[in-house]
Amino acid sequence: MKKILALATFIFPFAIGEAQAKEGLDPENTLLIDLENGQVVIEMYPDTAPKHVARIKELARAGKYDGVAFHRVIEGFMAQTGDVAFGNVKDFNKRRVGTGGSDKPDLPAEFNKRKHVRGACSMARSSNPNSANSQFFICFEAAGFLDLQYTVWGQVVKGMEYVDKIKRGAPGSGSVTDPDYMEKVAVASDTKNKDEAPEEKKKSEK
């Protein structure tokens, strides 16, 4: 079953603001996503979504997310990615993208107190609440109607301006032709110069 987000047929008011970059991020629970225009830093929430965070880290460390497209992107809503079976740009399957996942078992829902605010990172699933696997989405704007319906596992704390530049899809479906993709996804503790804060890494490489 296609793992997509159910869209409401009416408009919800959007909450304010992008989360500000934080100091003292735990490298073991910080995800780094390299996009064409820059790096996105995500603080992960193992306290409220431990199984989902563990899955994201497992797939990132295995290189499964590298090269995976943002196959469904809806203006004013979210950018969806993570189909490691059919969404890699090297062998992109336009017909089946959005239906796949990893070879790992689906995850039980971990709906929690975290809100779908701008920059929230949440797991995509089918109509079955316990069907999240590898696909996830990043909210462009607040989407409170998803709260307690989808598992929020992280929050963009730096680089939201790069998320905003992700290529949008067709009105309605969000399907993207020639989509943008995640060039590299890594857990911060696995990167070089581990003593550096994630947000400082790019500066030191220049």
N, C-alpha and C. Protein backbone atom coordinates (compact mmCIF):
# COMPACT_ATOMS: atom_id res chain seq x y z
N MET A 1 0.83 -1.18 0.00
CA MET A 1 0.00 0.00 0.00
C MET A 1 0.88 1.25 0.00
N LYS A 2 0.49 2.20 -0.78
CA LYS A 2 1.31 3.40 -0.92
C LYS A 2 1.37 4.16 0.39
N LYS A 3 2.58 4.51 0.80
CA LYS A 3 2.77 5.19 2.08
C LYS A 3 2.82 6.68 1.85
N ILE A 4 1.65 7.29 1.95
CA ILE A 4 1.52 8.72 1.72
C ILE A 4 0.77 9.34 2.88
N LEU A 5 0.75 10.65 2.90
CA LEU A 5 0.02 11.37 3.93
C LEU A 5 -1.37 11.70 3.40
N ALA A 6 -2.35 11.50 4.24
CA ALA A 6 -3.70 11.88 3.84
C ALA A 6 -3.83 13.39 3.93
N LEU A 7 -4.25 14.02 2.84
CA LEU A 7 -4.38 15.47 2.82
C LEU A 7 -5.79 15.88 3.22
N ALA A 8 -5.89 16.86 4.07
CA ALA A 8 -7.19 17.40 4.43
C ALA A 8 -7.72 18.22 3.26
N THR A 9 -9.03 18.34 3.19
CA THR A 9 -9.64 19.07 2.08
C THR A 9 -9.93 20.52 2.44
N PHE A 10 -9.49 20.93 3.62
CA PHE A 10 -9.65 22.33 4.01
C PHE A 10 -8.34 22.85 4.54
N ILE A 11 -8.25 24.16 4.69
CA ILE A 11 -6.98 24.80 5.02
C ILE A 11 -6.85 24.98 6.53
N PHE A 12 -5.67 24.65 7.05
CA PHE A 12 -5.38 24.84 8.48
C PHE A 12 -4.45 26.04 8.63
N PRO A 13 -4.63 26.80 9.68
CA PRO A 13 -3.71 27.92 9.91
C PRO A 13 -2.32 27.40 10.22
N PHE A 14 -1.34 28.05 9.67
CA PHE A 14 0.05 27.62 9.85
C PHE A 14 0.65 28.29 11.08
N ALA A 15 1.40 27.50 11.85
CA ALA A 15 2.07 28.04 13.03
C ALA A 15 3.33 28.78 12.61
N ILE A 16 3.83 29.57 13.51
CA ILE A 16 4.98 30.41 13.18
C ILE A 16 6.27 29.64 13.25
N GLY A 17 7.19 30.18 12.47
CA GLY A 17 8.60 30.06 12.71
C GLY A 17 9.36 28.78 12.60
N GLU A 18 10.53 28.93 12.15
CA GLU A 18 11.52 27.87 12.05
C GLU A 18 12.22 27.71 13.38
N ALA A 19 12.48 26.46 13.75
CA ALA A 19 13.25 26.22 14.99
C ALA A 19 14.64 26.81 14.85
N GLN A 20 15.10 27.42 15.89
CA GLN A 20 16.44 28.01 15.86
C GLN A 20 17.50 26.95 16.12
N ALA A 21 18.64 27.11 15.49
CA ALA A 21 19.74 26.16 15.71
C ALA A 21 20.12 26.14 17.18
N LYS A 22 20.36 24.94 17.69
CA LYS A 22 20.66 24.79 19.11
C LYS A 22 22.12 24.47 19.33
N GLU A 23 22.60 24.85 20.51
CA GLU A 23 23.95 24.49 20.90
C GLU A 23 23.88 23.18 21.69
N GLY A 24 24.99 22.47 21.72
CA GLY A 24 25.06 21.28 22.53
C GLY A 24 24.27 20.10 22.02
N LEU A 25 24.11 19.98 20.71
CA LEU A 25 23.40 18.82 20.16
C LEU A 25 24.19 17.55 20.44
N ASP A 26 23.48 16.47 20.75
CA ASP A 26 24.10 15.17 20.96
C ASP A 26 24.45 14.58 19.59
N PRO A 27 25.73 14.42 19.26
CA PRO A 27 26.11 13.92 17.92
C PRO A 27 25.48 12.57 17.59
N GLU A 28 25.26 11.73 18.60
CA GLU A 28 24.69 10.42 18.35
C GLU A 28 23.22 10.51 17.95
N ASN A 29 22.59 11.61 18.27
CA ASN A 29 21.18 11.80 17.94
C ASN A 29 20.98 13.06 17.09
N THR A 30 21.95 13.30 16.23
CA THR A 30 21.88 14.40 15.27
C THR A 30 22.08 13.83 13.87
N LEU A 31 21.15 14.11 12.99
CA LEU A 31 21.22 13.61 11.62
C LEU A 31 21.63 14.74 10.69
N LEU A 32 22.55 14.44 9.78
CA LEU A 32 23.03 15.41 8.80
C LEU A 32 22.60 14.97 7.41
N ILE A 33 21.86 15.82 6.71
CA ILE A 33 21.41 15.52 5.35
C ILE A 33 22.02 16.55 4.42
N ASP A 34 22.85 16.09 3.50
CA ASP A 34 23.44 16.97 2.51
C ASP A 34 22.54 17.06 1.29
N LEU A 35 22.07 18.27 1.00
CA LEU A 35 21.28 18.55 -0.19
C LEU A 35 22.13 19.32 -1.19
N GLU A 36 21.60 19.54 -2.36
CA GLU A 36 22.35 20.24 -3.40
C GLU A 36 22.81 21.62 -2.93
N ASN A 37 21.97 22.30 -2.16
CA ASN A 37 22.26 23.68 -1.79
C ASN A 37 22.92 23.83 -0.43
N GLY A 38 23.00 22.76 0.35
CA GLY A 38 23.60 22.88 1.68
C GLY A 38 23.18 21.76 2.61
N GLN A 39 23.67 21.82 3.84
CA GLN A 39 23.43 20.75 4.80
C GLN A 39 22.28 21.09 5.76
N VAL A 40 21.45 20.07 5.99
CA VAL A 40 20.35 20.18 6.93
C VAL A 40 20.71 19.41 8.20
N VAL A 41 20.55 20.05 9.34
CA VAL A 41 20.87 19.43 10.63
C VAL A 41 19.56 19.14 11.37
N ILE A 42 19.39 17.89 11.77
CA ILE A 42 18.16 17.46 12.43
C ILE A 42 18.47 16.92 13.81
N GLU A 43 17.80 17.47 14.81
CA GLU A 43 17.88 16.92 16.15
C GLU A 43 16.87 15.78 16.25
N MET A 44 17.31 14.59 16.62
CA MET A 44 16.42 13.44 16.73
C MET A 44 15.95 13.26 18.17
N TYR A 45 14.81 12.60 18.32
CA TYR A 45 14.15 12.47 19.62
C TYR A 45 14.05 11.01 20.08
N PRO A 46 15.13 10.44 20.56
CA PRO A 46 15.07 9.05 21.02
C PRO A 46 14.23 8.88 22.28
N ASP A 47 13.95 9.98 22.98
CA ASP A 47 13.14 9.88 24.19
C ASP A 47 11.68 9.62 23.90
N THR A 48 11.18 10.15 22.77
CA THR A 48 9.76 9.99 22.46
C THR A 48 9.51 9.08 21.26
N ALA A 49 10.53 8.80 20.46
CA ALA A 49 10.36 7.90 19.31
C ALA A 49 11.59 7.02 19.16
N PRO A 50 11.91 6.22 20.16
CA PRO A 50 13.17 5.45 20.16
C PRO A 50 13.31 4.47 19.00
N LYS A 51 12.25 3.77 18.66
CA LYS A 51 12.33 2.78 17.57
C LYS A 51 12.50 3.47 16.22
N HIS A 52 11.83 4.59 16.03
CA HIS A 52 11.94 5.31 14.77
C HIS A 52 13.31 5.94 14.61
N VAL A 53 13.83 6.52 15.68
CA VAL A 53 15.17 7.10 15.63
C VAL A 53 16.20 6.02 15.35
N ALA A 54 16.06 4.87 16.00
CA ALA A 54 16.99 3.77 15.77
C ALA A 54 16.95 3.32 14.31
N ARG A 55 15.77 3.29 13.71
CA ARG A 55 15.65 2.88 12.31
C ARG A 55 16.31 3.90 11.39
N ILE A 56 16.05 5.17 11.62
CA ILE A 56 16.65 6.22 10.79
C ILE A 56 18.17 6.12 10.85
N LYS A 57 18.71 5.95 12.05
CA LYS A 57 20.16 5.85 12.20
C LYS A 57 20.71 4.59 11.54
N GLU A 58 20.00 3.48 11.67
CA GLU A 58 20.44 2.23 11.07
C GLU A 58 20.53 2.35 9.55
N LEU A 59 19.50 2.92 8.94
CA LEU A 59 19.48 3.06 7.48
C LEU A 59 20.51 4.09 7.02
N ALA A 60 20.68 5.17 7.77
CA ALA A 60 21.68 6.18 7.41
C ALA A 60 23.08 5.57 7.46
N ARG A 61 23.36 4.83 8.50
CA ARG A 61 24.69 4.24 8.66
C ARG A 61 24.97 3.18 7.60
N ALA A 62 23.93 2.57 7.07
CA ALA A 62 24.10 1.58 6.01
C ALA A 62 24.16 2.23 4.63
N GLY A 63 24.03 3.56 4.57
CA GLY A 63 24.07 4.27 3.29
C GLY A 63 22.81 4.15 2.47
N LYS A 64 21.74 3.66 3.08
CA LYS A 64 20.50 3.41 2.33
C LYS A 64 19.80 4.69 1.87
N TYR A 65 20.00 5.78 2.60
CA TYR A 65 19.33 7.02 2.24
C TYR A 65 20.11 7.85 1.23
N ASP A 66 21.36 7.52 0.99
CA ASP A 66 22.17 8.30 0.06
C ASP A 66 21.60 8.18 -1.36
N GLY A 67 21.31 9.30 -1.99
CA GLY A 67 20.79 9.30 -3.34
C GLY A 67 19.29 9.11 -3.45
N VAL A 68 18.58 9.09 -2.33
CA VAL A 68 17.13 8.87 -2.36
C VAL A 68 16.40 10.19 -2.58
N ALA A 69 15.44 10.16 -3.48
CA ALA A 69 14.74 11.36 -3.94
C ALA A 69 13.64 11.83 -2.99
N PHE A 70 13.35 13.12 -3.09
CA PHE A 70 12.14 13.68 -2.51
C PHE A 70 11.05 13.50 -3.57
N HIS A 71 10.36 12.37 -3.48
CA HIS A 71 9.47 11.97 -4.56
C HIS A 71 8.09 12.61 -4.50
N ARG A 72 7.74 13.14 -3.35
CA ARG A 72 6.42 13.76 -3.18
C ARG A 72 6.60 15.05 -2.38
N VAL A 73 6.38 16.18 -3.04
CA VAL A 73 6.65 17.48 -2.41
C VAL A 73 5.47 18.40 -2.70
N ILE A 74 4.82 18.84 -1.64
CA ILE A 74 3.61 19.66 -1.78
C ILE A 74 3.85 21.03 -1.18
N GLU A 75 3.68 22.05 -2.01
CA GLU A 75 3.87 23.43 -1.58
C GLU A 75 3.03 23.75 -0.35
N GLY A 76 3.67 24.37 0.66
CA GLY A 76 2.95 24.75 1.86
C GLY A 76 2.66 23.61 2.81
N PHE A 77 3.17 22.41 2.49
CA PHE A 77 2.87 21.26 3.35
C PHE A 77 4.14 20.52 3.75
N MET A 78 4.68 19.68 2.84
CA MET A 78 5.83 18.88 3.25
C MET A 78 6.58 18.32 2.04
N ALA A 79 7.80 17.81 2.33
CA ALA A 79 8.63 17.12 1.35
C ALA A 79 8.85 15.69 1.85
N GLN A 80 8.45 14.72 1.06
CA GLN A 80 8.54 13.32 1.47
C GLN A 80 9.66 12.59 0.72
N THR A 81 10.39 11.76 1.45
CA THR A 81 11.53 11.03 0.90
C THR A 81 11.67 9.71 1.64
N GLY A 82 12.76 9.00 1.40
CA GLY A 82 13.07 7.82 2.18
C GLY A 82 12.66 6.48 1.60
N ASP A 83 12.13 6.47 0.36
CA ASP A 83 11.79 5.18 -0.24
C ASP A 83 13.09 4.54 -0.74
N VAL A 84 13.70 3.75 0.11
CA VAL A 84 15.01 3.17 -0.21
C VAL A 84 14.91 2.04 -1.23
N ALA A 85 13.70 1.55 -1.49
CA ALA A 85 13.52 0.47 -2.46
C ALA A 85 13.38 1.01 -3.88
N PHE A 86 12.59 2.06 -4.05
CA PHE A 86 12.27 2.54 -5.40
C PHE A 86 12.60 4.02 -5.65
N GLY A 87 13.17 4.69 -4.64
CA GLY A 87 13.38 6.13 -4.77
C GLY A 87 14.79 6.59 -5.01
N ASN A 88 15.75 5.67 -5.17
CA ASN A 88 17.11 6.11 -5.41
C ASN A 88 17.23 6.64 -6.84
N VAL A 89 17.85 7.80 -7.00
CA VAL A 89 17.90 8.43 -8.32
C VAL A 89 18.70 7.62 -9.33
N LYS A 90 19.53 6.69 -8.85
CA LYS A 90 20.32 5.87 -9.78
C LYS A 90 19.44 4.87 -10.53
N ASP A 91 18.37 4.43 -9.89
CA ASP A 91 17.45 3.52 -10.57
C ASP A 91 16.02 3.86 -10.16
N PHE A 92 15.69 5.13 -10.30
CA PHE A 92 14.41 5.67 -9.86
C PHE A 92 13.25 5.00 -10.60
N ASN A 93 12.29 4.49 -9.83
CA ASN A 93 11.13 3.82 -10.40
C ASN A 93 9.92 4.73 -10.20
N LYS A 94 9.64 5.54 -11.19
CA LYS A 94 8.58 6.54 -11.07
C LYS A 94 7.22 5.91 -10.80
N ARG A 95 7.00 4.73 -11.33
CA ARG A 95 5.71 4.07 -11.16
C ARG A 95 5.52 3.54 -9.74
N ARG A 96 6.60 3.08 -9.12
CA ARG A 96 6.48 2.43 -7.82
C ARG A 96 6.99 3.25 -6.63
N VAL A 97 7.66 4.36 -6.93
CA VAL A 97 8.19 5.16 -5.83
C VAL A 97 7.05 5.62 -4.91
N GLY A 98 7.31 5.53 -3.63
CA GLY A 98 6.28 5.84 -2.63
C GLY A 98 5.63 4.61 -2.06
N THR A 99 5.88 3.46 -2.68
CA THR A 99 5.28 2.21 -2.21
C THR A 99 6.29 1.35 -1.46
N GLY A 100 7.55 1.72 -1.49
CA GLY A 100 8.59 0.86 -0.96
C GLY A 100 9.11 1.26 0.41
N GLY A 101 9.95 0.37 0.93
CA GLY A 101 10.61 0.61 2.21
C GLY A 101 11.88 -0.22 2.27
N SER A 102 12.41 -0.39 3.45
CA SER A 102 13.62 -1.18 3.62
C SER A 102 13.25 -2.65 3.78
N ASP A 103 14.28 -3.47 3.97
CA ASP A 103 14.03 -4.89 4.22
C ASP A 103 13.82 -5.17 5.70
N LYS A 104 13.70 -4.11 6.48
CA LYS A 104 13.44 -4.24 7.91
C LYS A 104 11.93 -4.30 8.16
N PRO A 105 11.52 -4.89 9.28
CA PRO A 105 10.08 -4.94 9.59
C PRO A 105 9.50 -3.55 9.82
N ASP A 106 8.21 -3.40 9.55
CA ASP A 106 7.54 -2.14 9.83
C ASP A 106 7.58 -1.85 11.33
N LEU A 107 7.45 -0.57 11.65
CA LEU A 107 7.58 -0.13 13.04
C LEU A 107 6.22 0.10 13.70
N PRO A 108 6.12 -0.23 14.98
CA PRO A 108 4.90 0.13 15.71
C PRO A 108 4.84 1.63 15.90
N ALA A 109 3.65 2.18 15.86
CA ALA A 109 3.49 3.63 16.02
C ALA A 109 4.06 4.10 17.35
N GLU A 110 4.69 5.28 17.31
CA GLU A 110 5.18 5.93 18.53
C GLU A 110 4.65 7.37 18.54
N PHE A 111 3.34 7.51 18.39
CA PHE A 111 2.74 8.84 18.41
C PHE A 111 3.05 9.48 19.76
N ASN A 112 3.39 10.76 19.72
CA ASN A 112 3.92 11.40 20.92
C ASN A 112 3.54 12.87 21.00
N LYS A 113 4.05 13.54 22.02
CA LYS A 113 3.71 14.93 22.30
C LYS A 113 4.31 15.92 21.32
N ARG A 114 5.28 15.47 20.51
CA ARG A 114 5.93 16.37 19.56
C ARG A 114 4.93 16.85 18.50
N LYS A 115 5.04 18.10 18.13
CA LYS A 115 4.10 18.71 17.20
C LYS A 115 4.66 18.76 15.78
N HIS A 116 3.75 18.75 14.81
CA HIS A 116 4.13 18.92 13.41
C HIS A 116 4.23 20.42 13.10
N VAL A 117 5.30 21.01 13.61
CA VAL A 117 5.58 22.42 13.36
C VAL A 117 6.47 22.52 12.12
N ARG A 118 6.74 23.73 11.68
CA ARG A 118 7.66 23.92 10.57
C ARG A 118 9.00 23.26 10.90
N GLY A 119 9.50 22.43 10.01
CA GLY A 119 10.77 21.76 10.22
C GLY A 119 10.65 20.42 10.94
N ALA A 120 9.45 20.04 11.36
CA ALA A 120 9.28 18.75 12.01
C ALA A 120 9.56 17.62 11.02
N CYS A 121 10.20 16.56 11.52
CA CYS A 121 10.51 15.38 10.72
C CYS A 121 9.66 14.23 11.25
N SER A 122 8.85 13.66 10.40
CA SER A 122 7.88 12.67 10.83
C SER A 122 7.86 11.51 9.85
N MET A 123 7.39 10.37 10.32
CA MET A 123 7.43 9.15 9.51
C MET A 123 6.18 9.02 8.66
N ALA A 124 6.35 8.69 7.39
CA ALA A 124 5.23 8.39 6.51
C ALA A 124 4.76 6.96 6.77
N ARG A 125 3.51 6.71 6.48
CA ARG A 125 2.95 5.37 6.68
C ARG A 125 1.73 5.20 5.78
N SER A 126 1.20 3.99 5.73
CA SER A 126 -0.05 3.74 5.03
C SER A 126 -1.20 3.98 6.00
N SER A 127 -2.39 3.51 5.68
CA SER A 127 -3.53 3.69 6.58
C SER A 127 -3.37 2.89 7.87
N ASN A 128 -2.47 1.92 7.87
CA ASN A 128 -2.16 1.15 9.07
C ASN A 128 -1.20 1.96 9.94
N PRO A 129 -1.59 2.30 11.15
CA PRO A 129 -0.72 3.12 12.01
C PRO A 129 0.65 2.49 12.27
N ASN A 130 0.73 1.16 12.16
CA ASN A 130 1.97 0.44 12.45
C ASN A 130 2.71 0.01 11.18
N SER A 131 2.72 0.88 10.19
CA SER A 131 3.31 0.52 8.90
C SER A 131 4.50 1.40 8.50
N ALA A 132 4.94 2.31 9.37
CA ALA A 132 6.12 3.13 9.05
C ALA A 132 7.34 2.23 8.90
N ASN A 133 8.20 2.57 7.94
CA ASN A 133 9.36 1.72 7.69
C ASN A 133 10.62 2.54 7.45
N SER A 134 10.68 3.24 6.31
CA SER A 134 11.87 4.03 5.99
C SER A 134 11.53 5.43 5.49
N GLN A 135 10.32 5.61 4.98
CA GLN A 135 9.96 6.90 4.41
C GLN A 135 9.62 7.92 5.50
N PHE A 136 10.02 9.16 5.24
CA PHE A 136 9.71 10.23 6.18
C PHE A 136 9.47 11.52 5.43
N PHE A 137 9.01 12.53 6.14
CA PHE A 137 8.74 13.82 5.52
C PHE A 137 9.17 14.94 6.45
N ILE A 138 9.45 16.09 5.85
CA ILE A 138 9.81 17.30 6.57
C ILE A 138 8.75 18.35 6.28
N CYS A 139 8.19 18.95 7.31
CA CYS A 139 7.12 19.92 7.15
C CYS A 139 7.66 21.29 6.72
N PHE A 140 7.08 21.85 5.66
CA PHE A 140 7.40 23.23 5.27
C PHE A 140 6.72 24.22 6.22
N GLU A 141 5.53 23.86 6.65
CA GLU A 141 4.73 24.70 7.55
C GLU A 141 4.11 23.80 8.61
N ALA A 142 3.54 24.40 9.63
CA ALA A 142 2.88 23.63 10.67
C ALA A 142 1.72 22.84 10.07
N ALA A 143 1.54 21.62 10.57
CA ALA A 143 0.46 20.74 10.11
C ALA A 143 -0.12 20.02 11.32
N GLY A 144 -0.78 20.78 12.17
CA GLY A 144 -1.29 20.26 13.42
C GLY A 144 -2.28 19.13 13.27
N PHE A 145 -2.93 19.03 12.11
CA PHE A 145 -3.89 17.95 11.89
C PHE A 145 -3.22 16.57 11.83
N LEU A 146 -1.86 16.55 11.74
CA LEU A 146 -1.13 15.28 11.75
C LEU A 146 -0.70 14.86 13.15
N ASP A 147 -0.82 15.76 14.12
CA ASP A 147 -0.38 15.45 15.48
C ASP A 147 -1.10 14.22 16.01
N LEU A 148 -0.33 13.33 16.66
CA LEU A 148 -0.82 12.08 17.23
C LEU A 148 -1.39 11.13 16.18
N GLN A 149 -1.09 11.42 14.90
CA GLN A 149 -1.48 10.53 13.80
C GLN A 149 -0.25 9.95 13.09
N TYR A 150 0.84 10.68 13.17
CA TYR A 150 2.11 10.29 12.58
C TYR A 150 3.21 10.50 13.62
N THR A 151 4.27 9.71 13.54
CA THR A 151 5.32 9.77 14.55
C THR A 151 6.38 10.81 14.22
N VAL A 152 6.43 11.87 15.01
CA VAL A 152 7.48 12.88 14.88
C VAL A 152 8.73 12.33 15.56
N TRP A 153 9.84 12.27 14.81
CA TRP A 153 11.08 11.71 15.36
C TRP A 153 12.24 12.71 15.39
N GLY A 154 12.01 13.91 14.84
CA GLY A 154 13.09 14.88 14.82
C GLY A 154 12.62 16.26 14.42
N GLN A 155 13.55 17.21 14.46
CA GLN A 155 13.26 18.60 14.13
C GLN A 155 14.47 19.23 13.45
N VAL A 156 14.24 19.89 12.32
CA VAL A 156 15.32 20.63 11.67
C VAL A 156 15.71 21.80 12.57
N VAL A 157 17.00 21.87 12.92
CA VAL A 157 17.49 22.97 13.76
C VAL A 157 18.43 23.89 12.99
N LYS A 158 18.83 23.47 11.82
CA LYS A 158 19.67 24.32 10.96
C LYS A 158 19.52 23.85 9.52
N GLY A 159 19.47 24.80 8.60
CA GLY A 159 19.40 24.47 7.18
C GLY A 159 18.00 24.38 6.62
N MET A 160 17.01 24.93 7.34
CA MET A 160 15.64 24.88 6.81
C MET A 160 15.52 25.65 5.50
N GLU A 161 16.40 26.62 5.32
CA GLU A 161 16.37 27.37 4.06
C GLU A 161 16.70 26.48 2.87
N TYR A 162 17.45 25.40 3.10
CA TYR A 162 17.75 24.45 2.03
C TYR A 162 16.57 23.51 1.78
N VAL A 163 15.87 23.16 2.84
CA VAL A 163 14.65 22.37 2.68
C VAL A 163 13.64 23.15 1.85
N ASP A 164 13.55 24.45 2.11
CA ASP A 164 12.61 25.30 1.37
C ASP A 164 12.87 25.31 -0.13
N LYS A 165 14.10 24.99 -0.53
CA LYS A 165 14.47 25.04 -1.95
C LYS A 165 14.22 23.71 -2.67
N ILE A 166 13.76 22.69 -1.96
CA ILE A 166 13.50 21.39 -2.60
C ILE A 166 12.43 21.56 -3.68
N LYS A 167 12.65 20.95 -4.80
CA LYS A 167 11.75 21.08 -5.95
C LYS A 167 10.36 20.57 -5.62
N ARG A 168 9.35 21.40 -5.92
CA ARG A 168 7.95 21.03 -5.67
C ARG A 168 7.41 20.11 -6.74
N GLY A 169 6.37 19.37 -6.34
CA GLY A 169 5.72 18.45 -7.27
C GLY A 169 4.47 19.05 -7.88
N ALA A 170 3.74 18.21 -8.58
CA ALA A 170 2.51 18.63 -9.24
C ALA A 170 1.46 19.01 -8.21
N PRO A 171 0.65 20.03 -8.52
CA PRO A 171 -0.43 20.42 -7.60
C PRO A 171 -1.32 19.21 -7.31
N GLY A 172 -1.69 19.06 -6.07
CA GLY A 172 -2.55 17.95 -5.70
C GLY A 172 -1.78 16.71 -5.29
N SER A 173 -1.19 16.02 -6.28
CA SER A 173 -0.50 14.77 -5.99
C SER A 173 0.87 14.97 -5.35
N GLY A 174 1.53 16.06 -5.71
CA GLY A 174 2.88 16.30 -5.21
C GLY A 174 3.95 15.50 -5.91
N SER A 175 3.58 14.71 -6.90
CA SER A 175 4.54 13.88 -7.63
C SER A 175 5.55 14.76 -8.36
N VAL A 176 6.83 14.39 -8.21
CA VAL A 176 7.90 15.24 -8.74
C VAL A 176 8.59 14.59 -9.93
N THR A 177 8.73 15.35 -11.01
CA THR A 177 9.52 14.93 -12.15
C THR A 177 10.94 15.45 -11.97
N ASP A 178 11.93 14.59 -12.20
CA ASP A 178 13.33 14.96 -12.00
C ASP A 178 13.53 15.55 -10.60
N PRO A 179 13.26 14.76 -9.57
CA PRO A 179 13.26 15.27 -8.20
C PRO A 179 14.64 15.58 -7.63
N ASP A 180 14.66 16.45 -6.63
CA ASP A 180 15.85 16.65 -5.83
C ASP A 180 16.03 15.43 -4.93
N TYR A 181 17.21 15.28 -4.36
CA TYR A 181 17.47 14.08 -3.57
C TYR A 181 18.48 14.36 -2.46
N MET A 182 18.55 13.43 -1.53
CA MET A 182 19.52 13.51 -0.43
C MET A 182 20.85 12.96 -0.94
N GLU A 183 21.84 13.82 -1.03
CA GLU A 183 23.14 13.39 -1.54
C GLU A 183 23.84 12.46 -0.55
N LYS A 184 23.79 12.82 0.71
CA LYS A 184 24.44 12.04 1.77
C LYS A 184 23.67 12.22 3.07
N VAL A 185 23.45 11.12 3.78
CA VAL A 185 22.79 11.18 5.08
C VAL A 185 23.68 10.46 6.10
N ALA A 186 23.97 11.13 7.20
CA ALA A 186 24.88 10.55 8.19
C ALA A 186 24.48 10.96 9.60
N VAL A 187 24.84 10.11 10.56
CA VAL A 187 24.72 10.45 11.97
C VAL A 187 25.97 11.26 12.32
N ALA A 188 25.78 12.38 13.00
CA ALA A 188 26.90 13.30 13.25
C ALA A 188 28.07 12.64 13.95
N SER A 189 27.78 11.70 14.84
CA SER A 189 28.86 11.06 15.60
C SER A 189 29.75 10.18 14.71
N ASP A 190 29.28 9.87 13.50
CA ASP A 190 30.06 9.04 12.59
C ASP A 190 30.92 9.84 11.63
N THR A 191 30.77 11.16 11.64
CA THR A 191 31.49 11.98 10.68
C THR A 191 32.87 12.33 11.19
N LYS A 192 33.70 12.90 10.30
CA LYS A 192 35.03 13.34 10.68
C LYS A 192 34.92 14.50 11.65
N ASN A 193 36.01 14.74 12.36
CA ASN A 193 36.06 15.86 13.30
C ASN A 193 34.90 15.80 14.28
N LYS A 194 34.77 14.66 14.96
CA LYS A 194 33.64 14.43 15.84
C LYS A 194 33.53 15.44 16.97
N ASP A 195 34.64 16.10 17.26
CA ASP A 195 34.60 17.07 18.35
C ASP A 195 33.94 18.37 17.95
N GLU A 196 33.69 18.55 16.64
CA GLU A 196 33.06 19.78 16.18
C GLU A 196 31.56 19.67 16.29
N ALA A 197 30.91 20.79 16.55
CA ALA A 197 29.46 20.82 16.46
C ALA A 197 29.07 20.64 15.00
N PRO A 198 27.97 19.93 14.71
CA PRO A 198 27.59 19.69 13.32
C PRO A 198 27.50 20.94 12.48
N GLU A 199 26.94 22.02 13.08
CA GLU A 199 26.75 23.24 12.30
C GLU A 199 28.04 23.96 11.98
N GLU A 200 29.16 23.56 12.66
CA GLU A 200 30.44 24.20 12.40
C GLU A 200 31.27 23.43 11.38
N LYS A 201 30.85 22.22 11.04
CA LYS A 201 31.67 21.35 10.21
C LYS A 201 31.92 21.96 8.82
N LYS A 202 30.87 22.49 8.20
CA LYS A 202 31.01 23.03 6.86
C LYS A 202 31.99 24.21 6.85
N LYS A 203 31.93 25.03 7.90
CA LYS A 203 32.81 26.20 7.94
C LYS A 203 34.27 25.77 7.95
N SER A 204 34.57 24.70 8.71
CA SER A 204 35.96 24.27 8.85
C SER A 204 36.50 23.65 7.57
N GLU A 205 35.60 23.20 6.68
CA GLU A 205 36.04 22.55 5.45
C GLU A 205 36.32 23.54 4.34
N LYS A 206 35.90 24.81 4.56
CA LYS A 206 36.10 25.81 3.51
C LYS A 206 37.54 26.30 3.47
